[in-house]
């Protein structure tokens, strides 16, 4: 009997964390989407186990610009 191939590794996955209203420096009052990028252990290309947090950022829903999450602290953004 021959051994089967097992495919495993890691990959990053970006997911939405929070949404709300804020004032974008580029386009004005709009909504944001707080995103987190995590590294996952994969088995047969399926992300199974979260390993570590790689990045967090805020994406403007109006102009799609990205900002550091500290922009929400300075504005008192409203979560929805």
PDB file of N, CA and C in Angstrom:
ATOM      1  N   UNK A   1       0.840  -1.167   0.000  1.00  0.00           N
ATOM      2  CA  UNK A   1       0.000   0.000   0.000  1.00  0.00           C
ATOM      3  C   UNK A   1       0.898   1.247   0.000  1.00  0.00           C
ATOM      4  N   UNK A   2       0.585   2.216  -0.834  1.00  0.00           N
ATOM      5  CA  UNK A   2       1.386   3.438  -0.899  1.00  0.00           C
ATOM      6  C   UNK A   2       0.791   4.495   0.016  1.00  0.00           C
ATOM      7  N   UNK A   3       1.646   5.274   0.654  1.00  0.00           N
ATOM      8  CA  UNK A   3       1.125   6.330   1.532  1.00  0.00           C
ATOM      9  C   UNK A   3       0.477   7.444   0.706  1.00  0.00           C
ATOM     10  N   UNK A   4      -0.574   8.039   1.251  1.00  0.00           N
ATOM     11  CA  UNK A   4      -1.269   9.134   0.578  1.00  0.00           C
ATOM     12  C   UNK A   4      -0.565  10.465   0.824  1.00  0.00           C
ATOM     13  N   UNK A   5      -0.822  11.405  -0.030  1.00  0.00           N
ATOM     14  CA  UNK A   5      -0.270  12.739   0.142  1.00  0.00           C
ATOM     15  C   UNK A   5      -1.120  13.538   1.118  1.00  0.00           C
ATOM     16  N   UNK A   6      -0.441  14.262   1.985  1.00  0.00           N
ATOM     17  CA  UNK A   6      -1.126  15.153   2.913  1.00  0.00           C
ATOM     18  C   UNK A   6      -0.636  16.563   2.628  1.00  0.00           C
ATOM     19  N   UNK A   7      -1.548  17.442   2.277  1.00  0.00           N
ATOM     20  CA  UNK A   7      -1.207  18.828   2.000  1.00  0.00           C
ATOM     21  C   UNK A   7      -1.521  19.668   3.228  1.00  0.00           C
ATOM     22  N   UNK A   8      -0.493  20.336   3.783  1.00  0.00           N
ATOM     23  CA  UNK A   8      -0.707  21.222   4.913  1.00  0.00           C
ATOM     24  C   UNK A   8       0.207  22.432   4.760  1.00  0.00           C
ATOM     25  N   UNK A   9      -0.114  23.491   5.468  1.00  0.00           N
ATOM     26  CA  UNK A   9       0.687  24.713   5.407  1.00  0.00           C
ATOM     27  C   UNK A   9      -0.014  25.831   6.156  1.00  0.00           C
ATOM     28  N   UNK A  10       0.275  27.066   5.755  1.00  0.00           N
ATOM     29  CA  UNK A  10      -0.360  28.234   6.353  1.00  0.00           C
ATOM     30  C   UNK A  10      -0.800  29.185   5.248  1.00  0.00           C
ATOM     31  N   UNK A  11      -1.767  30.034   5.588  1.00  0.00           N
ATOM     32  CA  UNK A  11      -2.175  31.104   4.685  1.00  0.00           C
ATOM     33  C   UNK A  11      -2.840  32.197   5.503  1.00  0.00           C
ATOM     34  N   UNK A  12      -2.874  33.392   4.960  1.00  0.00           N
ATOM     35  CA  UNK A  12      -3.524  34.483   5.677  1.00  0.00           C
ATOM     36  C   UNK A  12      -4.951  34.646   5.180  1.00  0.00           C
ATOM     37  N   UNK A  13      -5.826  35.013   6.118  1.00  0.00           N
ATOM     38  CA  UNK A  13      -7.243  35.205   5.835  1.00  0.00           C
ATOM     39  C   UNK A  13      -7.648  36.558   6.422  1.00  0.00           C
ATOM     40  N   UNK A  14      -8.318  37.389   5.621  1.00  0.00           N
ATOM     41  CA  UNK A  14      -8.791  38.693   6.080  1.00  0.00           C
ATOM     42  C   UNK A  14     -10.291  38.607   6.346  1.00  0.00           C
ATOM     43  N   UNK A  15     -10.691  39.039   7.555  1.00  0.00           N
ATOM     44  CA  UNK A  15     -12.091  38.977   7.967  1.00  0.00           C
ATOM     45  C   UNK A  15     -12.535  40.323   8.533  1.00  0.00           C
ATOM     46  N   UNK A  16     -13.821  40.632   8.403  1.00  0.00           N
ATOM     47  CA  UNK A  16     -14.384  41.833   9.019  1.00  0.00           C
ATOM     48  C   UNK A  16     -14.520  41.606  10.517  1.00  0.00           C
ATOM     49  N   UNK A  17     -14.188  42.633  11.297  1.00  0.00           N
ATOM     50  CA  UNK A  17     -14.257  42.545  12.752  1.00  0.00           C
ATOM     51  C   UNK A  17     -15.395  43.417  13.289  1.00  0.00           C
ATOM     52  N   UNK A  18     -15.440  44.692  12.875  1.00  0.00           N
ATOM     53  CA  UNK A  18     -16.475  45.629  13.313  1.00  0.00           C
ATOM     54  C   UNK A  18     -16.829  46.546  12.147  1.00  0.00           C
ATOM     55  N   UNK A  19     -18.014  47.162  12.245  1.00  0.00           N
ATOM     56  CA  UNK A  19     -18.441  48.166  11.288  1.00  0.00           C
ATOM     57  C   UNK A  19     -19.030  49.335  12.052  1.00  0.00           C
ATOM     58  N   UNK A  20     -19.012  50.504  11.440  1.00  0.00           N
ATOM     59  CA  UNK A  20     -19.591  51.665  12.098  1.00  0.00           C
ATOM     60  C   UNK A  20     -19.446  52.910  11.252  1.00  0.00           C
ATOM     61  N   UNK A  21     -19.731  54.063  11.870  1.00  0.00           N
ATOM     62  CA  UNK A  21     -19.650  55.356  11.190  1.00  0.00           C
ATOM     63  C   UNK A  21     -18.425  56.115  11.685  1.00  0.00           C
ATOM     64  N   UNK A  22     -17.796  56.860  10.776  1.00  0.00           N
ATOM     65  CA  UNK A  22     -16.665  57.708  11.130  1.00  0.00           C
ATOM     66  C   UNK A  22     -16.489  58.763  10.041  1.00  0.00           C
ATOM     67  N   UNK A  23     -15.501  59.640  10.231  1.00  0.00           N
ATOM     68  CA  UNK A  23     -15.207  60.670   9.242  1.00  0.00           C
ATOM     69  C   UNK A  23     -13.898  60.310   8.568  1.00  0.00           C
ATOM     70  N   UNK A  24     -13.982  59.935   7.298  1.00  0.00           N
ATOM     71  CA  UNK A  24     -12.796  59.572   6.521  1.00  0.00           C
ATOM     72  C   UNK A  24     -12.004  60.840   6.188  1.00  0.00           C
ATOM     73  N   UNK A  25     -10.688  60.840   6.373  1.00  0.00           N
ATOM     74  CA  UNK A  25      -9.879  62.011   6.004  1.00  0.00           C
ATOM     75  C   UNK A  25      -9.920  62.330   4.508  1.00  0.00           C
ATOM     76  N   UNK A  26     -10.233  61.336   3.682  1.00  0.00           N
ATOM     77  CA  UNK A  26     -10.269  61.570   2.237  1.00  0.00           C
ATOM     78  C   UNK A  26     -11.653  61.953   1.714  1.00  0.00           C
ATOM     79  N   UNK A  27     -12.725  61.302   2.198  1.00  0.00           N
ATOM     80  CA  UNK A  27     -14.037  61.521   1.583  1.00  0.00           C
ATOM     81  C   UNK A  27     -15.111  62.023   2.544  1.00  0.00           C
ATOM     82  N   UNK A  28     -14.802  62.242   3.826  1.00  0.00           N
ATOM     83  CA  UNK A  28     -15.774  62.813   4.758  1.00  0.00           C
ATOM     84  C   UNK A  28     -16.576  61.763   5.509  1.00  0.00           C
ATOM     85  N   UNK A  29     -17.754  62.146   6.047  1.00  0.00           N
ATOM     86  CA  UNK A  29     -18.577  61.218   6.846  1.00  0.00           C
ATOM     87  C   UNK A  29     -19.025  60.004   6.016  1.00  0.00           C
ATOM     88  N   UNK A  30     -18.756  58.828   6.539  1.00  0.00           N
ATOM     89  CA  UNK A  30     -19.094  57.587   5.845  1.00  0.00           C
ATOM     90  C   UNK A  30     -19.033  56.432   6.836  1.00  0.00           C
ATOM     91  N   UNK A  31     -19.054  55.216   6.346  1.00  0.00           N
ATOM     92  CA  UNK A  31     -18.955  54.027   7.201  1.00  0.00           C
ATOM     93  C   UNK A  31     -17.578  53.389   7.037  1.00  0.00           C
ATOM     94  N   UNK A  32     -17.155  52.691   8.097  1.00  0.00           N
ATOM     95  CA  UNK A  32     -15.882  51.972   8.051  1.00  0.00           C
ATOM     96  C   UNK A  32     -16.121  50.492   8.250  1.00  0.00           C
ATOM     97  N   UNK A  33     -15.126  49.721   7.879  1.00  0.00           N
ATOM     98  CA  UNK A  33     -15.114  48.279   8.105  1.00  0.00           C
ATOM     99  C   UNK A  33     -13.751  47.951   8.713  1.00  0.00           C
ATOM    100  N   UNK A  34     -13.734  47.546   9.989  1.00  0.00           N
ATOM    101  CA  UNK A  34     -12.490  47.189  10.684  1.00  0.00           C
ATOM    102  C   UNK A  34     -12.166  45.764  10.268  1.00  0.00           C
ATOM    103  N   UNK A  35     -10.993  45.544   9.713  1.00  0.00           N
ATOM    104  CA  UNK A  35     -10.617  44.214   9.229  1.00  0.00           C
ATOM    105  C   UNK A  35      -9.401  43.688   9.981  1.00  0.00           C
ATOM    106  N   UNK A  36      -9.388  42.383  10.159  1.00  0.00           N
ATOM    107  CA  UNK A  36      -8.267  41.684  10.787  1.00  0.00           C
ATOM    108  C   UNK A  36      -7.731  40.635   9.817  1.00  0.00           C
ATOM    109  N   UNK A  37      -6.419  40.580   9.733  1.00  0.00           N
ATOM    110  CA  UNK A  37      -5.769  39.579   8.891  1.00  0.00           C
ATOM    111  C   UNK A  37      -5.043  38.603   9.816  1.00  0.00           C
ATOM    112  N   UNK A  38      -5.399  37.316   9.717  1.00  0.00           N
ATOM    113  CA  UNK A  38      -4.833  36.284  10.583  1.00  0.00           C
ATOM    114  C   UNK A  38      -4.176  35.203   9.743  1.00  0.00           C
ATOM    115  N   UNK A  39      -3.162  34.587  10.329  1.00  0.00           N
ATOM    116  CA  UNK A  39      -2.532  33.428   9.699  1.00  0.00           C
ATOM    117  C   UNK A  39      -3.217  32.181  10.251  1.00  0.00           C
ATOM    118  N   UNK A  40      -3.552  31.238   9.361  1.00  0.00           N
ATOM    119  CA  UNK A  40      -4.205  29.992   9.728  1.00  0.00           C
ATOM    120  C   UNK A  40      -3.367  28.797   9.290  1.00  0.00           C
ATOM    121  N   UNK A  41      -3.395  27.739  10.104  1.00  0.00           N
ATOM    122  CA  UNK A  41      -2.869  26.441   9.678  1.00  0.00           C
ATOM    123  C   UNK A  41      -3.899  25.845   8.735  1.00  0.00           C
ATOM    124  N   UNK A  42      -3.448  25.335   7.589  1.00  0.00           N
ATOM    125  CA  UNK A  42      -4.373  24.756   6.611  1.00  0.00           C
ATOM    126  C   UNK A  42      -4.087  23.273   6.411  1.00  0.00           C
ATOM    127  N   UNK A  43      -5.136  22.552   6.141  1.00  0.00           N
ATOM    128  CA  UNK A  43      -5.049  21.139   5.790  1.00  0.00           C
ATOM    129  C   UNK A  43      -5.867  20.961   4.522  1.00  0.00           C
ATOM    130  N   UNK A  44      -5.221  20.498   3.486  1.00  0.00           N
ATOM    131  CA  UNK A  44      -5.844  20.408   2.166  1.00  0.00           C
ATOM    132  C   UNK A  44      -6.428  21.757   1.739  1.00  0.00           C
ATOM    133  N   UNK A  45      -5.648  22.827   2.000  1.00  0.00           N
ATOM    134  CA  UNK A  45      -5.962  24.209   1.610  1.00  0.00           C
ATOM    135  C   UNK A  45      -7.173  24.801   2.333  1.00  0.00           C
ATOM    136  N   UNK A  46      -7.644  24.152   3.378  1.00  0.00           N
ATOM    137  CA  UNK A  46      -8.764  24.652   4.177  1.00  0.00           C
ATOM    138  C   UNK A  46      -8.208  25.242   5.471  1.00  0.00           C
ATOM    139  N   UNK A  47      -8.456  26.552   5.736  1.00  0.00           N
ATOM    140  CA  UNK A  47      -7.969  27.145   6.987  1.00  0.00           C
ATOM    141  C   UNK A  47      -8.696  26.537   8.186  1.00  0.00           C
ATOM    142  N   UNK A  48      -7.928  25.955   9.112  1.00  0.00           N
ATOM    143  CA  UNK A  48      -8.525  25.263  10.256  1.00  0.00           C
ATOM    144  C   UNK A  48      -8.226  25.917  11.595  1.00  0.00           C
ATOM    145  N   UNK A  49      -6.956  26.217  11.861  1.00  0.00           N
ATOM    146  CA  UNK A  49      -6.552  26.672  13.188  1.00  0.00           C
ATOM    147  C   UNK A  49      -5.929  28.067  13.080  1.00  0.00           C
ATOM    148  N   UNK A  50      -6.518  29.083  13.759  1.00  0.00           N
ATOM    149  CA  UNK A  50      -5.901  30.415  13.740  1.00  0.00           C
ATOM    150  C   UNK A  50      -4.587  30.393  14.518  1.00  0.00           C
ATOM    151  N   UNK A  51      -3.538  30.950  13.930  1.00  0.00           N
ATOM    152  CA  UNK A  51      -2.227  30.939  14.564  1.00  0.00           C
ATOM    153  C   UNK A  51      -1.865  32.283  15.185  1.00  0.00           C
ATOM    154  N   UNK A  52      -1.852  33.341  14.395  1.00  0.00           N
ATOM    155  CA  UNK A  52      -1.496  34.645  14.943  1.00  0.00           C
ATOM    156  C   UNK A  52      -2.156  35.759  14.145  1.00  0.00           C
ATOM    157  N   UNK A  53      -2.231  36.920  14.795  1.00  0.00           N
ATOM    158  CA  UNK A  53      -2.814  38.101  14.166  1.00  0.00           C
ATOM    159  C   UNK A  53      -1.705  38.817  13.407  1.00  0.00           C
ATOM    160  N   UNK A  54      -1.894  39.024  12.109  1.00  0.00           N
ATOM    161  CA  UNK A  54      -0.875  39.659  11.281  1.00  0.00           C
ATOM    162  C   UNK A  54      -1.063  41.166  11.179  1.00  0.00           C
ATOM    163  N   UNK A  55      -2.314  41.616  11.042  1.00  0.00           N
ATOM    164  CA  UNK A  55      -2.560  43.020  10.762  1.00  0.00           C
ATOM    165  C   UNK A  55      -3.997  43.375  11.110  1.00  0.00           C
ATOM    166  N   UNK A  56      -4.213  44.631  11.507  1.00  0.00           N
ATOM    167  CA  UNK A  56      -5.546  45.184  11.700  1.00  0.00           C
ATOM    168  C   UNK A  56      -5.575  46.544  11.033  1.00  0.00           C
ATOM    169  N   UNK A  57      -6.672  46.864  10.360  1.00  0.00           N
ATOM    170  CA  UNK A  57      -6.789  48.164   9.717  1.00  0.00           C
ATOM    171  C   UNK A  57      -8.257  48.520   9.533  1.00  0.00           C
ATOM    172  N   UNK A  58      -8.498  49.789   9.260  1.00  0.00           N
ATOM    173  CA  UNK A  58      -9.843  50.303   9.003  1.00  0.00           C
ATOM    174  C   UNK A  58      -9.932  50.614   7.515  1.00  0.00           C
ATOM    175  N   UNK A  59     -10.985  50.101   6.869  1.00  0.00           N
ATOM    176  CA  UNK A  59     -11.205  50.369   5.451  1.00  0.00           C
ATOM    177  C   UNK A  59     -12.431  51.255   5.299  1.00  0.00           C
ATOM    178  N   UNK A  60     -12.284  52.367   4.592  1.00  0.00           N
ATOM    179  CA  UNK A  60     -13.401  53.269   4.318  1.00  0.00           C
ATOM    180  C   UNK A  60     -14.317  52.615   3.296  1.00  0.00           C
ATOM    181  N   UNK A  61     -15.623  52.618   3.576  1.00  0.00           N
ATOM    182  CA  UNK A  61     -16.576  52.023   2.641  1.00  0.00           C
ATOM    183  C   UNK A  61     -16.884  52.947   1.468  1.00  0.00           C
ATOM    184  N   UNK A  62     -16.528  54.233   1.601  1.00  0.00           N
ATOM    185  CA  UNK A  62     -16.754  55.179   0.521  1.00  0.00           C
ATOM    186  C   UNK A  62     -15.673  55.125  -0.547  1.00  0.00           C
ATOM    187  N   UNK A  63     -14.421  55.358  -0.134  1.00  0.00           N
ATOM    188  CA  UNK A  63     -13.317  55.452  -1.102  1.00  0.00           C
ATOM    189  C   UNK A  63     -12.378  54.246  -1.079  1.00  0.00           C
ATOM    190  N   UNK A  64     -12.598  53.305  -0.166  1.00  0.00           N
ATOM    191  CA  UNK A  64     -11.796  52.079  -0.024  1.00  0.00           C
ATOM    192  C   UNK A  64     -10.354  52.342   0.446  1.00  0.00           C
ATOM    193  N   UNK A  65     -10.085  53.547   0.984  1.00  0.00           N
ATOM    194  CA  UNK A  65      -8.779  53.826   1.578  1.00  0.00           C
ATOM    195  C   UNK A  65      -8.640  53.029   2.865  1.00  0.00           C
ATOM    196  N   UNK A  66      -7.411  52.721   3.249  1.00  0.00           N
ATOM    197  CA  UNK A  66      -7.175  51.997   4.501  1.00  0.00           C
ATOM    198  C   UNK A  66      -6.396  52.883   5.460  1.00  0.00           C
ATOM    199  N   UNK A  67      -6.711  52.738   6.747  1.00  0.00           N
ATOM    200  CA  UNK A  67      -6.127  53.561   7.797  1.00  0.00           C
ATOM    201  C   UNK A  67      -5.775  52.686   8.988  1.00  0.00           C
ATOM    202  N   UNK A  68      -4.866  53.183   9.802  1.00  0.00           N
ATOM    203  CA  UNK A  68      -4.540  52.536  11.065  1.00  0.00           C
ATOM    204  C   UNK A  68      -5.764  52.621  11.976  1.00  0.00           C
ATOM    205  N   UNK A  69      -5.947  51.639  12.831  1.00  0.00           N
ATOM    206  CA  UNK A  69      -7.133  51.596  13.697  1.00  0.00           C
ATOM    207  C   UNK A  69      -7.177  52.760  14.694  1.00  0.00           C
ATOM    208  N   UNK A  70      -6.063  53.422  14.935  1.00  0.00           N
ATOM    209  CA  UNK A  70      -6.042  54.548  15.874  1.00  0.00           C
ATOM    210  C   UNK A  70      -6.877  55.722  15.371  1.00  0.00           C
ATOM    211  N   UNK A  71      -7.220  55.745  14.090  1.00  0.00           N
ATOM    212  CA  UNK A  71      -8.056  56.819  13.549  1.00  0.00           C
ATOM    213  C   UNK A  71      -9.430  56.819  14.227  1.00  0.00           C
ATOM    214  N   UNK A  72      -9.911  55.661  14.655  1.00  0.00           N
ATOM    215  CA  UNK A  72     -11.209  55.576  15.316  1.00  0.00           C
ATOM    216  C   UNK A  72     -11.153  56.159  16.725  1.00  0.00           C
ATOM    217  N   UNK A  73     -10.013  56.002  17.413  1.00  0.00           N
ATOM    218  CA  UNK A  73      -9.864  56.537  18.759  1.00  0.00           C
ATOM    219  C   UNK A  73      -9.924  58.066  18.751  1.00  0.00           C
ATOM    220  N   UNK A  74      -9.312  58.674  17.758  1.00  0.00           N
ATOM    221  CA  UNK A  74      -9.247  60.132  17.711  1.00  0.00           C
ATOM    222  C   UNK A  74     -10.573  60.766  17.311  1.00  0.00           C
ATOM    223  N   UNK A  75     -11.483  59.988  16.722  1.00  0.00           N
ATOM    224  CA  UNK A  75     -12.749  60.536  16.241  1.00  0.00           C
ATOM    225  C   UNK A  75     -13.948  60.139  17.090  1.00  0.00           C
ATOM    226  N   UNK A  76     -13.801  59.188  17.966  1.00  0.00           N
ATOM    227  CA  UNK A  76     -14.948  58.706  18.725  1.00  0.00           C
ATOM    228  C   UNK A  76     -15.971  58.053  17.803  1.00  0.00           C
ATOM    229  N   UNK A  77     -15.514  57.134  16.968  1.00  0.00           N
ATOM    230  CA  UNK A  77     -16.376  56.483  15.971  1.00  0.00           C
ATOM    231  C   UNK A  77     -17.503  55.723  16.646  1.00  0.00           C
ATOM    232  N   UNK A  78     -18.605  55.571  15.917  1.00  0.00           N
ATOM    233  CA  UNK A  78     -19.790  54.889  16.423  1.00  0.00           C
ATOM    234  C   UNK A  78     -19.868  53.501  15.796  1.00  0.00           C
ATOM    235  N   UNK A  79     -19.902  52.469  16.643  1.00  0.00           N
ATOM    236  CA  UNK A  79     -20.028  51.090  16.149  1.00  0.00           C
ATOM    237  C   UNK A  79     -21.480  50.777  15.832  1.00  0.00           C
ATOM    238  N   UNK A  80     -21.647  49.897  14.848  1.00  0.00           N
ATOM    239  CA  UNK A  80     -23.006  49.429  14.556  1.00  0.00           C
ATOM    240  C   UNK A  80     -23.048  47.923  14.587  1.00  0.00           C
TER     241      UNK A  80
END
